[in-house]
C-alpha atoms as a PDB file:
ATOM      1  CA  MET A   1       0.000   0.000   0.000  1.00  0.00           C
ATOM      2  CA  SER A   2       1.162   3.493  -0.702  1.00  0.00           C
ATOM      3  CA  ALA A   3       1.344   6.098   1.995  1.00  0.00           C
ATOM      4  CA  PRO A   4      -1.355   8.788   1.941  1.00  0.00           C
ATOM      5  CA  LEU A   5      -0.338  12.061   0.396  1.00  0.00           C
ATOM      6  CA  ILE A   6       0.425  14.748   2.940  1.00  0.00           C
ATOM      7  CA  PRO A   7      -0.860  18.139   1.823  1.00  0.00           C
ATOM      8  CA  ALA A   8       1.796  20.802   1.386  1.00  0.00           C
ATOM      9  CA  ARG A   9       2.110  23.160   4.315  1.00  0.00           C
ATOM     10  CA  GLN A  10       0.615  26.547   3.819  1.00  0.00           C
ATOM     11  CA  ILE A  11       2.869  29.560   4.069  1.00  0.00           C
ATOM     12  CA  PRO A  12       1.795  31.731   7.036  1.00  0.00           C
ATOM     13  CA  ALA A  13       0.280  35.113   6.189  1.00  0.00           C
ATOM     14  CA  ARG A  14       3.146  37.041   7.775  1.00  0.00           C
ATOM     15  CA  VAL A  15       5.708  35.238   5.624  1.00  0.00           C
ATOM     16  CA  ARG A  16       3.588  35.710   2.478  1.00  0.00           C
ATOM     17  CA  LYS A  17       3.426  39.434   3.177  1.00  0.00           C
ATOM     18  CA  LEU A  18       7.181  39.607   3.717  1.00  0.00           C
ATOM     19  CA  ILE A  19       7.902  37.710   0.485  1.00  0.00           C
ATOM     20  CA  GLY A  20       5.319  39.757  -1.408  1.00  0.00           C
ATOM     21  CA  GLY A  21       6.622  43.067  -0.070  1.00  0.00           C
ATOM     22  CA  ILE A  22      10.148  42.246  -1.155  1.00  0.00           C
ATOM     23  CA  GLY A  23       8.838  41.017  -4.508  1.00  0.00           C
ATOM     24  CA  ILE A  24       6.892  44.245  -5.047  1.00  0.00           C
ATOM     25  CA  MET A  25       9.933  46.394  -4.285  1.00  0.00           C
ATOM     26  CA  VAL A  26      12.135  44.365  -6.650  1.00  0.00           C
ATOM     27  CA  PHE A  27       9.517  44.458  -9.397  1.00  0.00           C
ATOM     28  CA  LEU A  28       8.979  48.210  -9.034  1.00  0.00           C
ATOM     29  CA  ALA A  29      12.712  48.938  -9.095  1.00  0.00           C
ATOM     30  CA  ALA A  30      13.072  46.939 -12.322  1.00  0.00           C
ATOM     31  CA  TYR A  31       9.901  48.477 -13.780  1.00  0.00           C
ATOM     32  CA  VAL A  32      11.013  52.049 -13.068  1.00  0.00           C
ATOM     33  CA  TRP A  33      14.449  51.312 -14.541  1.00  0.00           C
ATOM     34  CA  ALA A  34      12.897  49.853 -17.699  1.00  0.00           C
ATOM     35  CA  VAL A  35      10.357  52.652 -18.135  1.00  0.00           C
ATOM     36  CA  THR A  36      12.917  55.416 -17.703  1.00  0.00           C
ATOM     37  CA  SER A  37      15.408  53.626 -19.975  1.00  0.00           C
ATOM     38  CA  LEU A  38      12.846  53.283 -22.749  1.00  0.00           C
ATOM     39  CA  TYR A  39      12.012  56.992 -22.409  1.00  0.00           C
ATOM     40  CA  ASP A  40      15.259  57.852 -24.226  1.00  0.00           C
ATOM     41  CA  TYR A  41      13.940  56.176 -27.390  1.00  0.00           C
ATOM     42  CA  LEU A  42      10.717  58.201 -27.567  1.00  0.00           C
ATOM     43  CA  PRO A  43      10.373  60.971 -30.137  1.00  0.00           C
ATOM     44  CA  ASP A  44      10.620  64.511 -28.787  1.00  0.00           C
ATOM     45  CA  ASN A  45       6.875  65.145 -28.585  1.00  0.00           C
ATOM     46  CA  ARG A  46       5.036  66.236 -25.433  1.00  0.00           C
ATOM     47  CA  ALA A  47       1.841  64.394 -26.316  1.00  0.00           C
ATOM     48  CA  ILE A  48       3.719  61.115 -26.745  1.00  0.00           C
ATOM     49  CA  HIS A  49       5.574  61.687 -23.464  1.00  0.00           C
ATOM     50  CA  LEU A  50       2.306  62.380 -21.651  1.00  0.00           C
ATOM     51  CA  LEU A  51       0.661  59.273 -23.097  1.00  0.00           C
ATOM     52  CA  TYR A  52       3.730  57.123 -22.368  1.00  0.00           C
ATOM     53  CA  PHE A  53       3.976  58.132 -18.726  1.00  0.00           C
ATOM     54  CA  ALA A  54       0.204  57.939 -18.220  1.00  0.00           C
ATOM     55  CA  VAL A  55       0.124  54.357 -19.520  1.00  0.00           C
ATOM     56  CA  THR A  56       3.302  53.224 -17.767  1.00  0.00           C
ATOM     57  CA  GLY A  57       2.370  55.070 -14.583  1.00  0.00           C
ATOM     58  CA  LEU A  58      -0.881  53.142 -14.321  1.00  0.00           C
ATOM     59  CA  GLY A  59       0.427  49.932 -15.870  1.00  0.00           C
ATOM     60  CA  TRP A  60       2.565  48.722 -12.958  1.00  0.00           C
ATOM     61  CA  GLY A  61      -0.458  47.582 -10.935  1.00  0.00           C
ATOM     62  CA  LEU A  62      -1.795  45.024 -13.391  1.00  0.00           C
ATOM     63  CA  PRO A  63       1.156  42.603 -13.222  1.00  0.00           C
ATOM     64  CA  LEU A  64       1.236  42.884  -9.420  1.00  0.00           C
ATOM     65  CA  MET A  65      -2.433  41.991  -8.872  1.00  0.00           C
ATOM     66  CA  PRO A  66      -1.873  38.207  -8.598  1.00  0.00           C
ATOM     67  CA  LEU A  67       0.947  38.744  -6.103  1.00  0.00           C
ATOM     68  CA  MET A  68      -1.154  41.101  -3.978  1.00  0.00           C
ATOM     69  CA  SER A  69      -4.055  38.656  -4.101  1.00  0.00           C
ATOM     70  CA  TRP A  70      -1.762  35.834  -2.933  1.00  0.00           C
ATOM     71  CA  MET A  71      -0.420  38.022  -0.135  1.00  0.00           C
ATOM     72  CA  GLY A  72      -3.913  38.870   1.091  1.00  0.00           C
ATOM     73  CA  LYS A  73      -5.159  35.298   1.507  1.00  0.00           C
ATOM     74  CA  ALA A  74      -6.109  34.342   5.041  1.00  0.00           C
ATOM     75  CA  ASP A  75      -4.403  31.461   6.828  1.00  0.00           C
ATOM     76  CA  GLU A  76      -6.153  28.114   6.615  1.00  0.00           C
ATOM     77  CA  LYS A  77      -7.696  26.852   9.818  1.00  0.00           C
ATOM     78  CA  LEU A  78      -6.257  23.539  10.916  1.00  0.00           C
END
């Protein structure tokens, strides 16, 4: 007979928030670096600059939504 499968241990909420907070800071540092580096390749037009920074300024939240959702999960009751 095979042994029953033991469910994987859940990561405590405090640890998830620590991991997620560090992940958010790393992501944002890389995102800001990428956005400001790509700015040099834009044409010299104020309307394009405004549109670029409006889109990139709001765009950082979308990729972080799954991470924030994972961080916000409550601990499972044993």
